[in-house]
Amino acid sequence: MTLALDPNFFDLLAGSYSRLVGERLVPSEHDNQNAVRWLYEEAPFCVLAHNTDPDPIFIYGNKTAQTCFEYSWDELTSLRSRLSAEEPNREERQRLLDAVKRHGFATGYRGLRIAKSGRRFWIEDVTVWQLVDRGGLLHGQAAVYRKWFNAVSSA
């Protein structure tokens, strides 16, 4: 089983979000079993997570995020997360991730990202949080964003 529909990973993702951010990641009308599938297959917002490697790899991306970035599950979960941003934007992205390490989460981020095809798009009102289990063990970081739109090309 991949992490896509893994209830233990969902508990880590949703539980750490709730503990750190103080909100539910999934609307309360979904019971836990349904919530795992809903978040991966039907959520109208993007959720991504990467591991704790020195150069982290995505370990999760729901279907909406896969569509946004134009990657399949297998492609996305073998991608270094820094490659979701182009070189000039990676330093800003890293500053955000470093702030999340210090404070547990950050909200209100806006950044330029790049899809597999080279299409550039903005993500807005992003919340990034530490994937920390109830025992305090760090498993990576995750992000959720509900707004994205294509960047206007100057060419």
Protein backbone atom coordinates (compact mmCIF):
# COMPACT_ATOMS: atom_id res chain seq x y z
CA MET A 1 0.00 0.00 0.00
CA THR A 2 1.25 3.48 -0.86
CA LEU A 3 0.80 6.40 1.49
CA ALA A 4 -2.01 7.68 -0.74
CA LEU A 5 -4.67 5.73 1.14
CA ASP A 6 -2.72 4.69 4.23
CA PRO A 7 -4.82 5.45 7.33
CA ASN A 8 -1.72 5.74 9.53
CA PHE A 9 -0.18 8.35 7.24
CA PHE A 10 -3.52 10.17 7.10
CA ASP A 11 -3.55 10.26 10.92
CA LEU A 12 -0.04 11.76 10.88
CA LEU A 13 -0.96 14.31 8.20
CA ALA A 14 -4.33 15.37 9.59
CA GLY A 15 -3.36 14.96 13.24
CA SER A 16 -0.22 17.08 13.05
CA TYR A 17 -2.13 19.73 11.07
CA SER A 18 -4.84 19.85 13.72
CA ARG A 19 -2.40 19.96 16.64
CA LEU A 20 -0.14 22.63 15.12
CA VAL A 21 -2.52 24.79 13.11
CA GLY A 22 -5.59 24.37 15.30
CA GLU A 23 -7.96 23.51 12.43
CA ARG A 24 -9.24 20.38 10.76
CA LEU A 25 -7.64 19.43 7.45
CA VAL A 26 -10.74 17.48 6.37
CA PRO A 27 -14.32 18.68 6.95
CA SER A 28 -15.96 17.06 9.96
CA GLU A 29 -18.71 15.39 7.92
CA HIS A 30 -16.18 12.75 6.80
CA ASP A 31 -15.60 9.85 9.18
CA ASN A 32 -11.96 8.76 9.47
CA GLN A 33 -12.16 5.90 6.94
CA ASN A 34 -13.94 8.07 4.37
CA ALA A 35 -11.66 11.03 5.12
CA VAL A 36 -8.54 9.17 3.93
CA ARG A 37 -10.05 8.49 0.52
CA TRP A 38 -11.74 11.92 0.28
CA LEU A 39 -8.50 13.81 0.96
CA TYR A 40 -6.60 11.83 -1.65
CA GLU A 41 -9.22 11.47 -4.37
CA GLU A 42 -11.77 14.27 -4.01
CA ALA A 43 -10.45 17.20 -1.98
CA PRO A 44 -10.75 20.43 -4.01
CA PHE A 45 -7.44 21.66 -2.61
CA CYS A 46 -3.82 20.53 -2.90
CA VAL A 47 -1.94 18.64 -0.19
CA LEU A 48 1.72 17.68 -0.54
CA ALA A 49 4.24 16.21 1.88
CA HIS A 50 7.95 15.51 1.75
CA ASN A 51 10.24 13.42 3.94
CA THR A 52 13.15 14.42 6.18
CA ASP A 53 15.98 13.63 3.74
CA PRO A 54 18.63 16.38 3.43
CA ASP A 55 17.22 16.92 -0.10
CA PRO A 56 13.60 15.88 0.60
CA ILE A 57 11.46 13.80 -1.77
CA PHE A 58 7.71 14.14 -1.99
CA ILE A 59 6.04 11.24 -0.20
CA TYR A 60 2.45 12.36 -0.74
CA GLY A 61 0.46 14.44 -3.15
CA ASN A 62 -3.29 14.16 -3.45
CA LYS A 63 -4.98 13.91 -6.86
CA THR A 64 -5.58 17.67 -7.00
CA ALA A 65 -1.88 18.35 -6.39
CA GLN A 66 -0.94 15.74 -9.00
CA THR A 67 -3.16 17.52 -11.52
CA CYS A 68 -1.78 20.92 -10.54
CA PHE A 69 1.83 19.78 -10.99
CA GLU A 70 1.02 17.43 -13.92
CA TYR A 71 2.72 14.42 -12.32
CA SER A 72 1.39 10.92 -11.67
CA TRP A 73 1.69 9.48 -8.16
CA ASP A 74 4.84 7.54 -9.10
CA GLU A 75 6.45 10.58 -10.74
CA LEU A 76 5.58 12.92 -7.89
CA THR A 77 6.77 10.56 -5.16
CA SER A 78 10.18 10.25 -6.80
CA LEU A 79 10.60 14.02 -7.23
CA ARG A 80 12.86 16.13 -5.02
CA SER A 81 10.48 18.69 -3.52
CA ARG A 82 12.86 21.59 -4.28
CA LEU A 83 12.23 20.90 -7.98
CA SER A 84 8.64 22.09 -7.56
CA ALA A 85 10.13 25.60 -7.72
CA GLU A 86 12.55 26.95 -10.29
CA GLU A 87 16.10 27.81 -9.24
CA PRO A 88 15.50 31.56 -8.66
CA ASN A 89 12.56 30.75 -6.32
CA ARG A 90 14.20 27.97 -4.31
CA GLU A 91 15.91 30.26 -1.80
CA GLU A 92 12.58 31.86 -0.85
CA ARG A 93 11.01 28.39 -0.58
CA GLN A 94 13.85 27.22 1.67
CA ARG A 95 13.44 30.23 3.97
CA LEU A 96 9.78 29.25 4.41
CA LEU A 97 10.69 25.64 5.23
CA ASP A 98 13.32 26.79 7.71
CA ALA A 99 10.76 29.03 9.44
CA VAL A 100 8.38 26.06 9.66
CA LYS A 101 11.14 24.02 11.35
CA ARG A 102 11.51 26.76 13.96
CA HIS A 103 7.84 27.53 14.58
CA GLY A 104 5.96 24.31 13.69
CA PHE A 105 3.93 25.87 10.91
CA ALA A 106 3.55 28.96 8.74
CA THR A 107 0.53 30.39 6.95
CA GLY A 108 -0.11 32.94 4.23
CA TYR A 109 2.75 31.94 1.92
CA ARG A 110 2.60 32.79 -1.79
CA GLY A 111 5.07 31.38 -4.29
CA LEU A 112 5.70 30.62 -7.93
CA ARG A 113 5.86 26.93 -8.88
CA ILE A 114 6.51 24.95 -12.03
CA ALA A 115 4.59 21.99 -13.44
CA LYS A 116 6.07 19.06 -15.32
CA SER A 117 5.25 20.73 -18.67
CA GLY A 118 7.09 23.92 -17.69
CA ARG A 119 3.84 25.79 -16.97
CA ARG A 120 4.39 28.27 -14.18
CA PHE A 121 1.69 28.88 -11.60
CA TRP A 122 1.20 30.78 -8.38
CA ILE A 123 0.14 29.12 -5.16
CA GLU A 124 -1.49 31.33 -2.53
CA ASP A 125 -2.61 31.19 1.07
CA VAL A 126 -0.33 28.21 1.63
CA THR A 127 -0.01 26.62 5.05
CA VAL A 128 3.09 24.51 5.68
CA TRP A 129 3.50 22.42 8.83
CA GLN A 130 5.78 19.89 10.44
CA LEU A 131 4.69 16.26 10.16
CA VAL A 132 5.20 15.38 13.80
CA ASP A 133 3.59 12.32 15.35
CA ARG A 134 2.07 12.26 18.84
CA GLY A 135 5.39 11.05 20.24
CA GLY A 136 7.23 14.07 18.85
CA LEU A 137 9.03 12.25 16.02
CA LEU A 138 9.49 14.36 12.89
CA HIS A 139 8.51 12.65 9.60
CA GLY A 140 8.80 15.63 7.24
CA GLN A 141 6.75 18.66 6.26
CA ALA A 142 3.44 19.10 4.48
CA ALA A 143 1.65 21.91 2.68
CA VAL A 144 -1.93 22.69 1.81
CA TYR A 145 -3.16 25.37 -0.56
CA ARG A 146 -6.60 26.15 -1.89
CA LYS A 147 -5.72 28.84 -4.46
CA TRP A 148 -3.56 28.53 -7.54
CA PHE A 149 -3.54 30.14 -10.95
CA ASN A 150 -1.34 30.20 -14.02
CA ALA A 151 1.38 32.82 -14.15
CA VAL A 152 1.09 35.28 -17.00
CA SER A 153 3.86 34.78 -19.52
CA SER A 154 5.80 37.84 -20.63
CA ALA A 155 6.91 36.12 -23.84
